[in-house]
N, C-alpha and C. Protein backbone atom coordinates (compact mmCIF):
# COMPACT_ATOMS: atom_id res chain seq x y z
N MET A 1 51.94 37.69 17.13
CA MET A 1 50.68 36.49 17.46
C MET A 1 50.62 36.73 19.03
N LYS A 2 49.60 36.74 19.38
CA LYS A 2 49.46 36.68 20.99
C LYS A 2 49.44 35.45 21.55
N ARG A 3 50.16 35.45 22.68
CA ARG A 3 50.53 34.33 23.53
C ARG A 3 49.28 33.79 24.67
N VAL A 4 49.19 32.63 24.87
CA VAL A 4 47.80 31.98 25.49
C VAL A 4 48.58 32.17 26.82
N ASN A 5 48.03 32.68 27.95
CA ASN A 5 48.39 32.54 29.06
C ASN A 5 48.59 31.08 29.91
N PRO A 6 49.76 30.68 30.29
CA PRO A 6 49.76 29.21 30.53
C PRO A 6 48.61 28.93 31.65
N LEU A 7 48.40 29.95 32.43
CA LEU A 7 47.85 29.74 33.71
C LEU A 7 46.22 29.73 33.42
N CYS A 8 45.71 30.31 32.28
CA CYS A 8 44.44 29.76 31.32
C CYS A 8 44.34 28.49 31.21
N LEU A 9 45.62 27.96 30.42
CA LEU A 9 45.51 26.61 29.72
C LEU A 9 45.23 25.71 31.00
N PHE A 10 46.30 25.98 32.25
CA PHE A 10 46.20 24.91 33.47
C PHE A 10 44.69 25.15 34.01
N VAL A 11 43.86 26.07 34.22
CA VAL A 11 42.69 26.35 34.60
C VAL A 11 41.73 25.40 34.04
N LEU A 12 42.01 25.56 32.11
CA LEU A 12 40.81 24.74 31.55
C LEU A 12 40.94 23.29 31.82
N LEU A 13 42.71 23.01 31.87
CA LEU A 13 42.96 21.63 32.02
C LEU A 13 42.04 21.00 32.99
N GLY A 14 42.30 22.02 34.47
CA GLY A 14 41.89 21.29 35.31
C GLY A 14 40.29 21.16 35.53
N CYS A 15 39.58 21.88 34.83
CA CYS A 15 37.86 22.05 34.66
C CYS A 15 37.77 20.77 34.11
N PHE A 16 38.39 20.50 33.08
CA PHE A 16 38.39 19.33 32.33
C PHE A 16 38.46 18.00 33.09
N LEU A 17 39.26 18.04 33.97
CA LEU A 17 40.06 16.76 34.52
C LEU A 17 39.02 16.48 35.73
N LEU A 18 38.02 17.53 36.02
CA LEU A 18 37.01 17.75 37.22
C LEU A 18 35.70 17.22 36.64
N LEU A 19 35.79 17.14 35.37
CA LEU A 19 34.51 17.10 34.82
C LEU A 19 34.02 15.34 34.90
N PRO A 20 32.43 14.89 35.18
CA PRO A 20 32.62 13.70 35.65
C PRO A 20 32.78 12.94 34.04
N ILE A 21 33.21 11.76 34.09
CA ILE A 21 33.74 10.70 32.74
C ILE A 21 32.41 10.87 32.02
N SER A 22 31.23 11.06 32.36
CA SER A 22 30.24 10.87 31.01
C SER A 22 30.17 12.18 30.42
N ASP A 23 30.70 13.24 30.91
CA ASP A 23 30.83 14.73 30.14
C ASP A 23 31.90 14.44 29.23
N ALA A 24 33.08 13.98 30.13
CA ALA A 24 34.48 14.21 29.20
C ALA A 24 34.61 13.14 28.23
N VAL A 25 33.95 12.21 28.14
CA VAL A 25 33.92 11.42 27.08
C VAL A 25 32.37 10.68 26.81
N ALA A 26 32.40 10.92 25.19
CA ALA A 26 31.00 10.67 24.56
C ALA A 26 30.91 9.42 24.87
N LEU A 27 29.74 9.13 25.14
CA LEU A 27 28.87 7.83 25.33
C LEU A 27 28.42 7.06 24.11
N THR A 28 28.82 5.86 23.88
CA THR A 28 28.23 5.11 22.55
C THR A 28 26.77 5.26 22.97
N PRO A 29 25.84 5.00 21.74
CA PRO A 29 24.58 4.40 22.04
C PRO A 29 24.46 3.47 22.66
N LEU A 30 25.04 2.41 22.67
CA LEU A 30 24.61 1.53 23.59
C LEU A 30 24.77 1.83 24.98
N GLU A 31 25.89 2.58 25.26
CA GLU A 31 26.24 3.00 26.49
C GLU A 31 25.10 3.57 27.16
N GLN A 32 24.78 4.80 26.31
CA GLN A 32 23.70 5.70 26.65
C GLN A 32 22.28 5.15 26.94
N ALA A 33 21.73 4.02 25.87
CA ALA A 33 20.85 3.19 26.22
C ALA A 33 20.88 2.75 27.79
N THR A 34 22.07 1.85 28.19
CA THR A 34 22.03 0.98 28.97
C THR A 34 22.07 1.76 30.31
N ARG A 35 22.34 3.09 30.21
CA ARG A 35 22.45 3.67 31.37
C ARG A 35 21.19 4.51 31.46
N GLU A 36 20.16 4.97 30.78
CA GLU A 36 18.72 5.11 31.02
C GLU A 36 18.05 3.91 31.31
N ALA A 37 18.37 2.62 31.03
CA ALA A 37 17.56 1.59 31.27
C ALA A 37 17.83 0.94 32.66
N THR A 38 19.31 1.61 33.08
CA THR A 38 19.19 1.16 34.55
C THR A 38 18.73 2.16 35.48
N LYS A 39 18.54 3.45 34.90
CA LYS A 39 17.64 4.07 35.44
C LYS A 39 16.10 4.08 35.58
N TYR A 40 15.80 3.59 34.41
CA TYR A 40 14.01 3.50 34.61
C TYR A 40 14.14 2.02 34.15
N PRO A 41 14.38 1.18 35.08
CA PRO A 41 14.00 -0.31 34.68
C PRO A 41 12.73 -0.72 34.37
N GLU A 42 11.78 0.02 34.72
CA GLU A 42 9.89 -0.38 34.41
C GLU A 42 9.39 0.40 33.38
N ASP A 43 10.33 1.30 32.68
CA ASP A 43 9.66 2.00 31.67
C ASP A 43 9.81 1.30 30.10
N VAL A 44 8.72 0.75 29.56
CA VAL A 44 8.71 -0.36 28.50
C VAL A 44 9.44 0.38 26.91
N ARG A 45 9.38 2.21 27.06
CA ARG A 45 10.09 2.65 26.22
C ARG A 45 11.37 2.52 26.19
N VAL A 46 12.12 3.02 27.35
CA VAL A 46 13.42 2.90 27.65
C VAL A 46 14.03 1.57 27.22
N GLN A 47 13.09 0.72 27.79
CA GLN A 47 14.05 -1.13 28.06
C GLN A 47 13.82 -1.36 26.20
N SER A 48 12.82 -0.75 25.58
CA SER A 48 12.71 -1.17 24.18
C SER A 48 13.64 -0.31 23.47
N LEU A 49 14.29 0.80 23.92
CA LEU A 49 15.44 1.16 23.17
C LEU A 49 16.49 0.67 23.46
N LEU A 50 16.58 -0.03 24.74
CA LEU A 50 17.79 -0.70 24.80
C LEU A 50 18.04 -1.88 23.90
N ALA A 51 16.55 -2.55 23.76
CA ALA A 51 17.00 -3.69 22.75
C ALA A 51 17.12 -3.47 21.59
N ARG A 52 16.63 -1.96 21.36
CA ARG A 52 17.31 -1.76 19.81
C ARG A 52 18.68 -1.21 19.61
N ALA A 53 19.16 -0.65 20.68
CA ALA A 53 20.61 -0.59 20.77
C ALA A 53 21.52 -1.87 20.82
N TYR A 54 20.80 -2.78 21.54
CA TYR A 54 21.78 -3.92 21.49
C TYR A 54 21.65 -4.54 19.82
N ASN A 55 20.70 -4.64 19.35
CA ASN A 55 20.30 -4.96 17.91
C ASN A 55 21.26 -4.29 16.75
N GLU A 56 21.52 -2.95 17.07
CA GLU A 56 22.41 -2.23 16.56
C GLU A 56 23.47 -2.47 16.56
N ASP A 57 24.17 -3.07 17.53
CA ASP A 57 25.16 -3.36 18.11
C ASP A 57 25.80 -4.89 17.61
N GLY A 58 24.87 -5.50 17.20
CA GLY A 58 25.29 -6.85 16.62
C GLY A 58 25.08 -7.83 17.78
N GLN A 59 24.32 -7.60 18.85
CA GLN A 59 24.30 -8.18 20.13
C GLN A 59 22.71 -8.72 20.29
N TYR A 60 22.35 -9.53 18.86
CA TYR A 60 21.19 -9.94 19.05
C TYR A 60 20.59 -10.90 20.27
N SER A 61 21.15 -11.81 20.84
CA SER A 61 20.99 -12.71 21.83
C SER A 61 20.29 -11.52 22.86
N LYS A 62 21.40 -10.61 23.44
CA LYS A 62 20.66 -9.77 24.00
C LYS A 62 19.49 -8.74 24.15
N ALA A 63 19.46 -8.44 22.59
CA ALA A 63 18.18 -7.97 22.41
C ALA A 63 17.21 -8.85 22.57
N LEU A 64 17.20 -9.70 21.93
CA LEU A 64 16.10 -10.44 22.00
C LEU A 64 15.61 -10.82 23.35
N TRP A 65 16.35 -11.03 24.45
CA TRP A 65 16.20 -11.09 25.86
C TRP A 65 15.42 -9.76 26.47
N VAL A 66 16.15 -8.54 26.16
CA VAL A 66 15.41 -7.60 26.67
C VAL A 66 14.08 -7.13 26.22
N ALA A 67 13.89 -7.66 24.63
CA ALA A 67 12.52 -7.53 24.35
C ALA A 67 11.43 -8.37 24.71
N LYS A 68 12.04 -9.37 24.82
CA LYS A 68 10.79 -10.55 25.65
C LYS A 68 10.67 -10.08 26.93
N ALA A 69 11.29 -9.47 27.58
CA ALA A 69 10.95 -9.30 28.82
C ALA A 69 10.16 -8.01 28.91
N VAL A 70 10.22 -6.99 28.28
CA VAL A 70 9.53 -5.79 27.71
C VAL A 70 7.88 -6.65 27.65
N LEU A 71 7.90 -7.27 26.59
CA LEU A 71 6.70 -8.01 26.09
C LEU A 71 5.93 -8.78 27.31
N GLY A 72 6.86 -9.23 27.98
CA GLY A 72 6.23 -9.74 29.48
C GLY A 72 5.75 -9.10 30.17
N LYS A 73 6.10 -8.05 30.32
CA LYS A 73 5.77 -6.63 31.09
C LYS A 73 4.11 -6.25 30.19
N LYS A 74 4.56 -5.77 28.86
CA LYS A 74 3.40 -5.12 28.49
C LYS A 74 3.20 -6.20 26.94
N PRO A 75 2.26 -7.19 27.20
CA PRO A 75 2.14 -7.76 25.83
C PRO A 75 1.67 -6.86 24.57
N GLY A 76 2.56 -7.46 23.72
CA GLY A 76 1.85 -6.74 21.95
C GLY A 76 2.53 -4.99 22.02
N TYR A 77 3.53 -4.66 22.95
CA TYR A 77 4.19 -3.53 22.72
C TYR A 77 4.90 -3.25 21.56
N PRO A 78 4.61 -2.19 20.77
CA PRO A 78 4.83 -2.25 19.29
C PRO A 78 6.53 -2.32 19.25
N ALA A 79 7.21 -1.44 19.83
CA ALA A 79 8.73 -1.07 19.83
C ALA A 79 9.26 -2.13 20.42
N ALA A 80 8.80 -3.09 21.42
CA ALA A 80 9.56 -4.34 21.50
C ALA A 80 9.13 -5.25 20.51
N LEU A 81 8.04 -5.21 19.92
CA LEU A 81 7.58 -6.55 18.84
C LEU A 81 8.60 -6.26 17.76
N LEU A 82 8.82 -4.92 17.53
CA LEU A 82 9.72 -4.99 16.50
C LEU A 82 11.10 -5.35 16.79
N GLU A 83 11.68 -4.97 17.78
CA GLU A 83 13.15 -5.37 18.18
C GLU A 83 13.13 -7.06 18.46
N PHE A 84 11.92 -7.62 19.18
CA PHE A 84 12.05 -8.98 19.08
C PHE A 84 11.88 -9.59 17.74
N ALA A 85 11.13 -9.15 16.70
CA ALA A 85 11.17 -9.50 15.55
C ALA A 85 12.76 -9.22 14.60
N HIS A 86 13.08 -8.35 14.76
CA HIS A 86 14.39 -7.99 14.13
C HIS A 86 15.47 -9.15 15.01
N ALA A 87 15.49 -8.98 16.20
CA ALA A 87 16.74 -10.13 16.84
C ALA A 87 16.22 -11.45 16.54
N ASN A 88 15.48 -11.94 16.26
CA ASN A 88 14.98 -13.30 15.77
C ASN A 88 15.54 -13.27 14.26
N ARG A 89 15.14 -12.39 13.66
CA ARG A 89 15.80 -12.31 12.12
C ARG A 89 17.01 -12.63 11.93
N PHE A 90 17.76 -11.49 12.81
CA PHE A 90 19.09 -11.94 12.38
C PHE A 90 19.88 -13.03 13.46
N LEU A 91 19.04 -13.79 14.15
CA LEU A 91 19.43 -15.13 14.71
C LEU A 91 19.25 -16.18 13.88
N GLY A 92 18.57 -15.70 12.72
CA GLY A 92 18.06 -17.03 11.67
C GLY A 92 16.76 -17.94 12.39
N ASN A 93 15.98 -17.20 13.12
CA ASN A 93 14.68 -17.75 13.83
C ASN A 93 13.44 -17.02 12.92
N HIS A 94 13.60 -17.43 11.42
CA HIS A 94 12.80 -16.46 10.78
C HIS A 94 11.17 -16.78 11.14
N GLU A 95 10.82 -18.26 11.41
CA GLU A 95 9.12 -18.37 11.78
C GLU A 95 8.94 -17.29 13.00
N GLU A 96 9.67 -17.64 14.11
CA GLU A 96 9.34 -16.58 15.21
C GLU A 96 9.18 -14.90 14.84
N ALA A 97 10.26 -14.77 13.93
CA ALA A 97 10.47 -13.36 13.18
C ALA A 97 9.16 -12.96 12.41
N VAL A 98 8.71 -13.74 11.77
CA VAL A 98 7.66 -13.57 10.69
C VAL A 98 6.37 -13.47 11.76
N LYS A 99 6.12 -14.12 12.68
CA LYS A 99 5.09 -14.07 14.08
C LYS A 99 4.94 -12.63 14.30
N ALA A 100 6.31 -12.25 15.02
CA ALA A 100 6.17 -10.98 15.52
C ALA A 100 6.14 -9.75 14.37
N TYR A 101 6.71 -9.84 13.32
CA TYR A 101 6.63 -9.01 12.21
C TYR A 101 4.95 -8.71 12.08
N HIS A 102 4.30 -9.77 11.68
CA HIS A 102 3.12 -9.59 11.60
C HIS A 102 2.29 -8.97 12.42
N ALA A 103 2.45 -9.36 14.00
CA ALA A 103 2.06 -8.83 14.92
C ALA A 103 2.25 -7.15 15.16
N TYR A 104 3.55 -6.95 14.95
CA TYR A 104 4.10 -5.61 14.71
C TYR A 104 3.02 -4.75 13.59
N LEU A 105 3.21 -5.44 12.39
CA LEU A 105 2.76 -4.75 11.04
C LEU A 105 0.89 -4.32 11.37
N GLY A 106 0.25 -5.15 12.53
CA GLY A 106 -0.85 -5.10 12.49
C GLY A 106 -1.19 -3.93 13.16
N THR A 107 -0.25 -3.02 13.75
CA THR A 107 -0.15 -1.88 14.57
C THR A 107 0.38 -0.77 13.53
N ASN A 108 1.16 -1.03 12.46
CA ASN A 108 1.94 -0.20 11.71
C ASN A 108 2.33 -0.62 10.47
N PRO A 109 1.28 -0.77 9.43
CA PRO A 109 1.05 -1.79 8.03
C PRO A 109 2.15 -0.82 7.18
N LEU A 110 2.47 0.58 7.53
CA LEU A 110 3.48 0.79 6.42
C LEU A 110 4.90 1.04 6.84
N SER A 111 5.23 0.34 8.33
CA SER A 111 6.56 0.32 8.78
C SER A 111 7.42 0.36 7.42
N LEU A 112 8.25 0.83 7.04
CA LEU A 112 9.56 0.54 6.43
C LEU A 112 10.06 -0.80 6.88
N GLU A 113 10.97 -0.56 8.12
CA GLU A 113 11.68 -1.81 8.52
C GLU A 113 10.80 -2.86 9.11
N GLY A 114 9.66 -2.87 9.28
CA GLY A 114 8.88 -3.77 9.47
C GLY A 114 8.46 -4.78 8.35
N GLN A 115 8.26 -3.92 7.25
CA GLN A 115 8.04 -4.53 5.91
C GLN A 115 9.11 -5.25 5.27
N VAL A 116 10.36 -4.34 5.44
CA VAL A 116 11.58 -4.99 5.27
C VAL A 116 12.16 -6.07 5.67
N GLY A 117 12.05 -6.02 7.13
CA GLY A 117 12.48 -7.11 7.77
C GLY A 117 11.51 -8.65 7.44
N ASN A 118 10.23 -8.07 7.56
CA ASN A 118 9.34 -9.41 7.06
C ASN A 118 9.64 -9.81 5.91
N SER A 119 9.84 -9.26 4.85
CA SER A 119 10.05 -9.81 3.53
C SER A 119 11.29 -10.67 3.50
N GLU A 120 12.48 -10.11 4.15
CA GLU A 120 13.47 -11.03 4.19
C GLU A 120 13.12 -12.27 5.22
N SER A 121 12.77 -12.59 6.04
CA SER A 121 12.58 -13.84 6.93
C SER A 121 11.35 -14.67 6.02
N LEU A 122 10.50 -13.70 5.31
CA LEU A 122 9.60 -14.67 4.36
C LEU A 122 10.37 -15.28 3.20
N ALA A 123 11.07 -14.45 2.79
CA ALA A 123 12.31 -15.34 1.78
C ALA A 123 13.07 -16.33 2.23
N HIS A 124 13.59 -16.26 3.18
CA HIS A 124 14.33 -17.25 3.82
C HIS A 124 13.40 -18.51 4.18
N LEU A 125 12.39 -18.52 4.28
CA LEU A 125 11.16 -19.49 4.63
C LEU A 125 10.41 -20.02 3.62
N GLY A 126 11.22 -19.30 1.97
CA GLY A 126 10.57 -20.03 1.24
C GLY A 126 9.02 -19.46 0.46
N SER A 127 8.61 -18.49 1.21
CA SER A 127 7.35 -17.64 1.12
C SER A 127 7.61 -16.73 0.03
N TRP A 128 7.97 -17.04 -1.45
CA TRP A 128 8.09 -16.06 -2.28
C TRP A 128 7.22 -14.99 -2.25
N ASP A 129 6.11 -15.62 -2.71
CA ASP A 129 5.05 -14.34 -2.77
C ASP A 129 4.75 -13.49 -2.00
N GLU A 130 4.58 -13.76 -0.87
CA GLU A 130 4.66 -13.09 0.33
C GLU A 130 5.55 -11.84 0.80
N ALA A 131 6.73 -12.60 0.37
CA ALA A 131 7.80 -11.71 0.51
C ALA A 131 8.12 -10.75 -0.41
N PHE A 132 7.65 -11.16 -1.88
CA PHE A 132 7.58 -9.84 -2.80
C PHE A 132 6.45 -9.20 -2.58
N SER A 133 5.29 -9.43 -1.96
CA SER A 133 4.49 -8.49 -1.60
C SER A 133 4.62 -7.52 -0.58
N SER A 134 5.28 -8.22 0.24
CA SER A 134 5.82 -7.49 1.55
C SER A 134 6.38 -6.03 1.22
N ALA A 135 7.53 -6.46 0.45
CA ALA A 135 8.51 -5.41 -0.31
C ALA A 135 7.71 -4.31 -0.86
N ARG A 136 6.74 -4.78 -1.81
CA ARG A 136 5.98 -3.83 -2.73
C ARG A 136 5.11 -2.83 -1.78
N VAL A 137 4.60 -3.41 -0.99
CA VAL A 137 3.96 -2.69 -0.04
C VAL A 137 4.75 -1.19 0.59
N ILE A 138 6.06 -1.45 0.73
CA ILE A 138 6.99 -0.17 0.71
C ILE A 138 7.13 0.41 -0.43
N ILE A 139 7.87 -0.14 -1.77
CA ILE A 139 7.79 0.43 -2.77
C ILE A 139 6.61 1.59 -3.27
N ASN A 140 5.39 0.76 -2.87
CA ASN A 140 4.24 1.41 -3.26
C ASN A 140 3.74 2.77 -2.37
N ALA A 141 4.45 2.48 -1.18
CA ALA A 141 4.15 3.50 -0.29
C ALA A 141 5.25 4.92 -0.22
N HIS A 142 6.40 4.25 -0.38
CA HIS A 142 7.58 5.12 -0.39
C HIS A 142 8.49 4.90 -2.01
N PRO A 143 7.81 5.46 -2.83
CA PRO A 143 8.72 4.87 -4.42
C PRO A 143 9.86 5.24 -4.45
N LYS A 144 10.41 6.54 -3.81
CA LYS A 144 11.86 6.98 -3.75
C LYS A 144 12.28 6.39 -2.70
N ASN A 145 11.94 5.44 -1.68
CA ASN A 145 13.22 5.45 -0.81
C ASN A 145 13.74 4.14 -1.09
N SER A 146 15.12 3.94 -0.75
CA SER A 146 15.77 2.68 -1.14
C SER A 146 15.28 1.28 -0.47
N GLY A 147 14.76 1.43 0.20
CA GLY A 147 14.14 0.43 1.49
C GLY A 147 13.62 -0.87 0.73
N GLY A 148 12.58 -0.62 -0.08
CA GLY A 148 11.80 -1.31 -0.68
C GLY A 148 12.45 -1.85 -1.95
N TYR A 149 13.15 -1.36 -2.62
CA TYR A 149 13.87 -2.08 -3.80
C TYR A 149 14.93 -3.05 -3.45
N GLU A 150 15.52 -2.52 -1.85
CA GLU A 150 16.56 -3.38 -1.39
C GLU A 150 15.86 -4.80 -0.94
N ALA A 151 14.76 -4.67 -0.28
CA ALA A 151 14.32 -5.96 0.01
C ALA A 151 13.56 -6.72 -1.14
N LEU A 152 13.23 -6.24 -2.08
CA LEU A 152 12.76 -7.05 -2.98
C LEU A 152 13.83 -7.51 -3.98
N GLY A 153 14.83 -6.58 -4.02
CA GLY A 153 15.85 -7.25 -5.01
C GLY A 153 16.29 -8.31 -4.01
N ARG A 154 16.44 -8.60 -2.56
CA ARG A 154 17.23 -9.47 -1.69
C ARG A 154 16.16 -10.84 -1.95
N ALA A 155 15.00 -10.52 -2.02
CA ALA A 155 13.94 -11.52 -2.00
C ALA A 155 14.20 -12.21 -3.35
N TYR A 156 14.40 -11.47 -4.47
CA TYR A 156 14.62 -12.13 -5.70
C TYR A 156 15.84 -12.98 -5.84
N ARG A 157 16.81 -12.37 -5.08
CA ARG A 157 18.21 -13.22 -4.90
C ARG A 157 18.02 -14.64 -4.25
N LEU A 158 17.35 -14.44 -3.16
CA LEU A 158 17.13 -15.90 -2.39
C LEU A 158 16.42 -16.55 -2.97
N ALA A 159 15.37 -16.09 -3.89
CA ALA A 159 14.37 -17.28 -5.08
C ALA A 159 15.32 -17.57 -6.12
N GLY A 160 16.69 -17.46 -6.11
CA GLY A 160 17.44 -17.83 -7.18
C GLY A 160 17.42 -17.15 -8.59
N ARG A 161 16.89 -15.97 -8.36
CA ARG A 161 16.99 -14.86 -9.45
C ARG A 161 17.50 -13.62 -9.54
N PRO A 162 19.15 -13.99 -9.62
CA PRO A 162 19.83 -12.98 -9.33
C PRO A 162 20.10 -11.74 -10.47
N ASP A 163 19.51 -12.23 -11.50
CA ASP A 163 19.48 -11.01 -12.58
C ASP A 163 18.46 -10.30 -12.88
N GLU A 164 17.50 -10.60 -12.06
CA GLU A 164 16.38 -9.67 -11.75
C GLU A 164 16.49 -8.96 -10.70
N ALA A 165 17.18 -9.55 -9.58
CA ALA A 165 17.64 -8.58 -8.48
C ALA A 165 18.42 -7.51 -8.90
N VAL A 166 19.36 -7.75 -9.55
CA VAL A 166 20.37 -6.86 -10.03
C VAL A 166 19.58 -5.41 -10.49
N GLY A 167 18.74 -5.61 -11.06
CA GLY A 167 18.06 -4.37 -11.88
C GLY A 167 17.10 -3.26 -10.74
N LEU A 168 16.58 -4.25 -10.03
CA LEU A 168 15.51 -3.66 -8.35
C LEU A 168 16.86 -2.90 -7.69
N LEU A 169 17.98 -3.77 -7.34
CA LEU A 169 19.20 -3.04 -6.37
C LEU A 169 19.51 -1.83 -6.81
N ASN A 170 20.08 -2.01 -8.19
CA ASN A 170 20.40 -0.61 -8.89
C ASN A 170 19.73 0.43 -8.88
N GLN A 171 18.04 0.08 -9.05
CA GLN A 171 17.28 1.32 -8.85
C GLN A 171 16.95 1.88 -7.54
N GLY A 172 17.42 0.78 -6.44
CA GLY A 172 17.21 1.18 -5.38
C GLY A 172 18.65 2.33 -4.82
N LEU A 173 19.56 1.93 -5.57
CA LEU A 173 20.73 2.54 -5.27
C LEU A 173 20.87 4.02 -5.96
N SER A 174 20.10 4.12 -7.04
CA SER A 174 19.57 5.45 -7.50
C SER A 174 19.24 6.35 -6.60
N PHE A 175 18.44 5.87 -5.48
CA PHE A 175 18.10 6.68 -4.75
C PHE A 175 18.95 7.08 -3.38
N ASP A 176 19.58 6.13 -3.22
CA ASP A 176 20.82 5.88 -2.12
C ASP A 176 22.20 5.51 -2.39
N PRO A 177 22.97 6.26 -3.13
CA PRO A 177 24.06 5.53 -3.75
C PRO A 177 24.90 5.00 -2.70
N GLY A 178 25.03 5.54 -1.26
CA GLY A 178 25.95 5.21 -0.53
C GLY A 178 25.53 3.94 0.21
N ASN A 179 24.34 3.24 -0.10
CA ASN A 179 23.61 2.11 0.73
C ASN A 179 24.77 1.10 0.83
N LYS A 180 25.19 0.73 1.65
CA LYS A 180 26.24 -0.16 2.26
C LYS A 180 25.28 -1.44 1.78
N ARG A 181 23.98 -1.85 2.50
CA ARG A 181 23.32 -2.95 2.24
C ARG A 181 23.17 -3.76 0.85
N ILE A 182 22.84 -2.41 0.14
CA ILE A 182 22.68 -2.71 -1.36
C ILE A 182 23.94 -3.03 -2.09
N LEU A 183 24.81 -2.28 -1.73
CA LEU A 183 26.00 -2.93 -2.44
C LEU A 183 26.66 -4.06 -2.07
N TYR A 184 26.32 -4.77 -1.05
CA TYR A 184 26.71 -5.99 -0.26
C TYR A 184 25.80 -6.63 -0.97
N GLU A 185 24.32 -6.73 -1.30
CA GLU A 185 23.36 -7.29 -2.08
C GLU A 185 24.02 -7.58 -3.50
N LEU A 186 24.10 -6.62 -4.25
CA LEU A 186 24.68 -6.46 -5.51
C LEU A 186 25.87 -7.32 -5.74
N GLY A 187 26.94 -7.17 -4.86
CA GLY A 187 27.79 -8.13 -4.66
C GLY A 187 27.57 -9.51 -4.62
N LEU A 188 26.77 -10.02 -3.94
CA LEU A 188 26.03 -11.27 -3.94
C LEU A 188 25.84 -11.58 -4.99
N CYS A 189 24.75 -10.84 -5.79
CA CYS A 189 24.30 -11.36 -6.82
C CYS A 189 24.94 -11.28 -8.22
N TYR A 190 25.87 -10.41 -8.37
CA TYR A 190 27.11 -10.58 -9.33
C TYR A 190 28.11 -11.99 -9.08
N THR A 191 28.21 -12.19 -8.14
CA THR A 191 29.06 -13.54 -7.39
C THR A 191 28.18 -14.56 -8.24
N GLU A 192 26.92 -14.74 -7.74
CA GLU A 192 26.21 -15.71 -8.25
C GLU A 192 25.93 -15.89 -9.85
N LEU A 193 25.88 -14.93 -10.42
CA LEU A 193 25.71 -14.51 -11.87
C LEU A 193 27.11 -14.85 -12.35
N GLY A 194 28.55 -14.94 -11.77
CA GLY A 194 29.70 -15.47 -12.06
C GLY A 194 30.36 -14.17 -12.64
N ASP A 195 29.72 -12.84 -12.28
CA ASP A 195 30.36 -11.55 -12.90
C ASP A 195 31.35 -11.09 -11.57
N GLN A 196 32.60 -11.71 -11.73
CA GLN A 196 33.40 -11.40 -10.36
C GLN A 196 34.03 -9.83 -10.62
N SER A 197 34.05 -9.37 -11.85
CA SER A 197 34.68 -7.95 -11.90
C SER A 197 33.65 -7.06 -11.08
N SER A 198 32.31 -7.30 -11.89
CA SER A 198 31.33 -6.43 -10.99
C SER A 198 31.40 -6.71 -9.54
N ALA A 199 31.36 -7.78 -9.15
CA ALA A 199 31.37 -8.43 -7.74
C ALA A 199 32.58 -7.35 -7.01
N LEU A 200 33.46 -7.26 -7.33
CA LEU A 200 34.80 -6.63 -6.74
C LEU A 200 34.39 -5.41 -7.08
N ALA A 201 34.04 -4.57 -7.85
CA ALA A 201 33.73 -3.57 -7.72
C ALA A 201 32.48 -3.02 -6.72
N GLN A 202 31.52 -3.88 -6.21
CA GLN A 202 30.87 -3.46 -5.15
C GLN A 202 31.70 -3.64 -3.86
N TYR A 203 32.70 -4.72 -3.81
CA TYR A 203 33.39 -4.97 -2.62
C TYR A 203 34.35 -3.56 -2.61
N GLU A 204 34.77 -2.88 -3.59
CA GLU A 204 35.87 -1.61 -3.50
C GLU A 204 34.65 -0.32 -2.69
N LYS A 205 33.76 -0.41 -3.34
CA LYS A 205 32.86 0.70 -2.88
C LYS A 205 32.35 0.53 -1.39
N LEU A 206 32.43 -0.46 -1.05
CA LEU A 206 32.30 -1.27 0.32
C LEU A 206 33.09 -0.62 1.36
N LEU A 207 34.15 -0.75 1.12
CA LEU A 207 35.58 -0.84 1.60
C LEU A 207 35.67 0.84 2.30
N ASP A 208 35.03 1.73 1.54
CA ASP A 208 35.26 3.01 2.22
C ASP A 208 33.75 3.33 2.91
N ARG A 209 32.63 2.15 3.14
CA ARG A 209 31.51 2.58 4.16
C ARG A 209 31.45 1.71 5.48
N ASP A 210 32.16 0.14 5.20
CA ASP A 210 31.99 -0.58 6.05
C ASP A 210 33.00 -1.85 5.75
N GLU A 211 34.08 -1.66 6.49
CA GLU A 211 35.32 -2.75 6.16
C GLU A 211 34.84 -4.21 6.32
N LYS A 212 34.26 -4.13 7.77
CA LYS A 212 33.81 -5.20 8.07
C LYS A 212 32.96 -6.34 7.07
N MET A 213 31.78 -5.59 6.45
CA MET A 213 30.81 -5.89 5.22
C MET A 213 31.58 -6.37 4.12
N ALA A 214 32.57 -5.23 3.90
CA ALA A 214 33.26 -5.75 2.72
C ALA A 214 34.19 -6.80 2.84
N GLN A 215 34.68 -7.26 3.92
CA GLN A 215 35.61 -8.26 4.06
C GLN A 215 34.78 -9.77 3.96
N GLN A 216 33.44 -9.42 4.63
CA GLN A 216 32.51 -10.74 4.35
C GLN A 216 32.30 -10.80 2.81
N LEU A 217 32.01 -10.06 2.07
CA LEU A 217 31.59 -10.04 0.92
C LEU A 217 32.85 -10.50 -0.26
N PHE A 218 33.97 -10.30 0.39
CA PHE A 218 35.20 -10.33 -0.24
C PHE A 218 35.39 -12.03 -0.04
N GLN A 219 35.21 -12.49 1.02
CA GLN A 219 35.26 -14.14 1.10
C GLN A 219 34.29 -14.66 0.47
N ILE A 220 33.07 -14.20 0.15
CA ILE A 220 32.54 -14.89 -0.34
C ILE A 220 32.49 -15.02 -2.07
N ILE A 221 33.08 -13.78 -2.64
CA ILE A 221 33.58 -13.95 -3.84
C ILE A 221 34.95 -14.82 -4.08
N TYR A 222 35.84 -14.80 -3.19
CA TYR A 222 36.92 -15.73 -2.77
C TYR A 222 36.86 -16.85 -1.95
N PRO A 223 35.92 -17.59 -2.07
CA PRO A 223 35.65 -18.61 -0.80
C PRO A 223 36.86 -19.50 -0.58
């Protein structure tokens, strides 16, 4: 077996240590978005990406603030509208979310994430027919995408119809077996139906995909 020259290892280590931190350590999506936003503070596209990164990181208030600032610079900018809508939905401000989703969907009516978010906020407001309709737009446009079935199943659950929701969610799961949001929704449905064993089965599947989400479901199964 050929020996590695210690000098070569020393040189390689030295080169690594001389690298800037940004090259030696991979940045998270939020760190990368923050860096770009700092470089280009007036670029609405870059700032909207920062809002998206905050939403994806669970920092919804910051996402809302950044998206609002972008819309102040460029009213109606679609990417910022979408993140503004998402942030409001995550924060439970569903009336504001629906207004923003409707404005965004006026520019992109077949947006999957726009219609899915809109459906959820409408359901939380008790606007059942509109919530169902928004989800069906996605099912009709993308019949083999799990997102529409997820949205419609969630709306049915929120409407107090978990038995019907289960069928829709399982249909969505057939297109995306590892979809953690659908597994979570199924767990909630089975809990509401009193089927604890099926709810626990969803919890066990979630553990391999998102431990935090799985623990949230477990606390609902066993309050």
